[in-house]
Amino acid sequence: MREGEAAYSAGLTSWKPGGRQVWGKKGGRRGCNAGIDGTRDRSRVLVCSVHSTDAKGQDRNPVVTDLVQAAFGPVDKS
């Protein structure tokens, strides 16, 4: 994000996987990670719910990372 660009709005977060600006909402409950993301022009949208053994863990779920990369492009894995 560049200085002065919005990163949060109405509970949504903006980020740039694959260089595309994507707005979305993510969350987790014990055993499940869920998210909805999309580009502003709605040309790309991803809605997913992935079961996991550690939904509240600090590490990024590799299945979700693979889904995001398929929908929007490379994700910084750092």
C-alpha atoms as a PDB file:
ATOM      1  CA  MET A   1       0.000   0.000   0.000  1.00  0.00           C
ATOM      2  CA  ARG A   2       1.196   3.493  -0.741  1.00  0.00           C
ATOM      3  CA  GLU A   3       1.121   6.264   1.833  1.00  0.00           C
ATOM      4  CA  GLY A   4      -2.375   7.700   2.011  1.00  0.00           C
ATOM      5  CA  GLU A   5      -4.173   4.709   0.432  1.00  0.00           C
ATOM      6  CA  ALA A   6      -7.006   3.174   2.397  1.00  0.00           C
ATOM      7  CA  ALA A   7      -6.340  -0.271   3.837  1.00  0.00           C
ATOM      8  CA  TYR A   8      -9.499  -0.722   5.962  1.00  0.00           C
ATOM      9  CA  SER A   9     -13.137   0.079   5.173  1.00  0.00           C
ATOM     10  CA  ALA A  10     -16.438  -1.117   6.684  1.00  0.00           C
ATOM     11  CA  GLY A  11     -14.726  -4.108   8.287  1.00  0.00           C
ATOM     12  CA  LEU A  12     -12.896  -5.064   5.085  1.00  0.00           C
ATOM     13  CA  THR A  13      -9.140  -5.213   4.595  1.00  0.00           C
ATOM     14  CA  SER A  14      -7.251  -4.405   1.402  1.00  0.00           C
ATOM     15  CA  TRP A  15      -4.134  -6.228   0.225  1.00  0.00           C
ATOM     16  CA  LYS A  16      -2.337  -6.900  -3.074  1.00  0.00           C
ATOM     17  CA  PRO A  17      -1.721 -10.556  -3.925  1.00  0.00           C
ATOM     18  CA  GLY A  18      -0.264 -10.817  -7.427  1.00  0.00           C
ATOM     19  CA  GLY A  19      -0.229  -7.015  -7.649  1.00  0.00           C
ATOM     20  CA  ARG A  20      -4.045  -6.804  -7.739  1.00  0.00           C
ATOM     21  CA  GLN A  21      -5.853  -4.731  -5.127  1.00  0.00           C
ATOM     22  CA  VAL A  22      -8.208  -7.084  -3.317  1.00  0.00           C
ATOM     23  CA  TRP A  23     -10.742  -6.265  -0.594  1.00  0.00           C
ATOM     24  CA  GLY A  24     -11.946  -8.944   1.762  1.00  0.00           C
ATOM     25  CA  LYS A  25     -12.830 -10.296   5.160  1.00  0.00           C
ATOM     26  CA  LYS A  26     -11.295 -13.297   6.855  1.00  0.00           C
ATOM     27  CA  GLY A  27     -12.054 -15.102  10.067  1.00  0.00           C
ATOM     28  CA  GLY A  28     -11.754 -18.369  11.864  1.00  0.00           C
ATOM     29  CA  ARG A  29     -13.452 -20.497  14.435  1.00  0.00           C
ATOM     30  CA  ARG A  30     -12.096 -23.629  15.989  1.00  0.00           C
ATOM     31  CA  GLY A  31     -11.501 -26.006  13.086  1.00  0.00           C
ATOM     32  CA  CYS A  32     -12.442 -23.686  10.215  1.00  0.00           C
ATOM     33  CA  ASN A  33     -10.923 -20.744   8.314  1.00  0.00           C
ATOM     34  CA  ALA A  34     -13.257 -18.689   6.136  1.00  0.00           C
ATOM     35  CA  GLY A  35     -12.831 -15.739   3.836  1.00  0.00           C
ATOM     36  CA  ILE A  36     -14.368 -13.710   1.057  1.00  0.00           C
ATOM     37  CA  ASP A  37     -12.178 -11.597  -1.219  1.00  0.00           C
ATOM     38  CA  GLY A  38     -12.657  -9.809  -4.502  1.00  0.00           C
ATOM     39  CA  THR A  39     -11.341  -7.133  -6.799  1.00  0.00           C
ATOM     40  CA  ARG A  40     -13.191  -3.833  -6.872  1.00  0.00           C
ATOM     41  CA  ASP A  41     -14.505  -4.468 -10.392  1.00  0.00           C
ATOM     42  CA  ARG A  42     -15.637  -7.973  -9.297  1.00  0.00           C
ATOM     43  CA  SER A  43     -13.675  -9.572 -12.140  1.00  0.00           C
ATOM     44  CA  ARG A  44     -12.169 -11.955  -9.568  1.00  0.00           C
ATOM     45  CA  VAL A  45     -13.934 -13.204  -6.451  1.00  0.00           C
ATOM     46  CA  LEU A  46     -12.963 -15.923  -3.982  1.00  0.00           C
ATOM     47  CA  VAL A  47     -15.220 -17.318  -1.251  1.00  0.00           C
ATOM     48  CA  CYS A  48     -13.834 -20.193   0.772  1.00  0.00           C
ATOM     49  CA  SER A  49     -14.254 -22.155   3.961  1.00  0.00           C
ATOM     50  CA  VAL A  50     -11.413 -24.520   4.801  1.00  0.00           C
ATOM     51  CA  HIS A  51     -11.423 -26.966   7.682  1.00  0.00           C
ATOM     52  CA  SER A  52      -8.250 -27.092   9.704  1.00  0.00           C
ATOM     53  CA  THR A  53      -6.911 -28.591  12.882  1.00  0.00           C
ATOM     54  CA  ASP A  54      -5.633 -25.211  14.105  1.00  0.00           C
ATOM     55  CA  ALA A  55      -7.925 -22.386  12.928  1.00  0.00           C
ATOM     56  CA  LYS A  56      -6.531 -19.929  15.468  1.00  0.00           C
ATOM     57  CA  GLY A  57      -2.864 -20.744  14.827  1.00  0.00           C
ATOM     58  CA  GLN A  58      -0.474 -17.972  13.841  1.00  0.00           C
ATOM     59  CA  ASP A  59       0.666 -19.667  10.627  1.00  0.00           C
ATOM     60  CA  ARG A  60      -1.058 -19.036   7.317  1.00  0.00           C
ATOM     61  CA  ASN A  61      -3.126 -22.055   6.185  1.00  0.00           C
ATOM     62  CA  PRO A  62      -1.303 -23.454   3.117  1.00  0.00           C
ATOM     63  CA  VAL A  63      -4.580 -24.543   1.472  1.00  0.00           C
ATOM     64  CA  VAL A  64      -5.963 -20.997   1.693  1.00  0.00           C
ATOM     65  CA  THR A  65      -2.683 -19.619   0.305  1.00  0.00           C
ATOM     66  CA  ASP A  66      -2.981 -21.974  -2.687  1.00  0.00           C
ATOM     67  CA  LEU A  67      -6.592 -20.880  -3.310  1.00  0.00           C
ATOM     68  CA  VAL A  68      -5.680 -17.177  -3.130  1.00  0.00           C
ATOM     69  CA  GLN A  69      -2.763 -17.695  -5.529  1.00  0.00           C
ATOM     70  CA  ALA A  70      -5.048 -19.486  -7.993  1.00  0.00           C
ATOM     71  CA  ALA A  71      -7.580 -16.632  -7.852  1.00  0.00           C
ATOM     72  CA  PHE A  72      -5.366 -13.535  -7.650  1.00  0.00           C
ATOM     73  CA  GLY A  73      -1.697 -14.403  -8.210  1.00  0.00           C
ATOM     74  CA  PRO A  74       1.431 -14.917  -6.106  1.00  0.00           C
ATOM     75  CA  VAL A  75       1.183 -14.332  -2.355  1.00  0.00           C
ATOM     76  CA  ASP A  76       4.103 -13.066  -0.304  1.00  0.00           C
ATOM     77  CA  LYS A  77       4.690 -16.003   2.041  1.00  0.00           C
ATOM     78  CA  SER A  78       6.758 -14.059   4.555  1.00  0.00           C
END
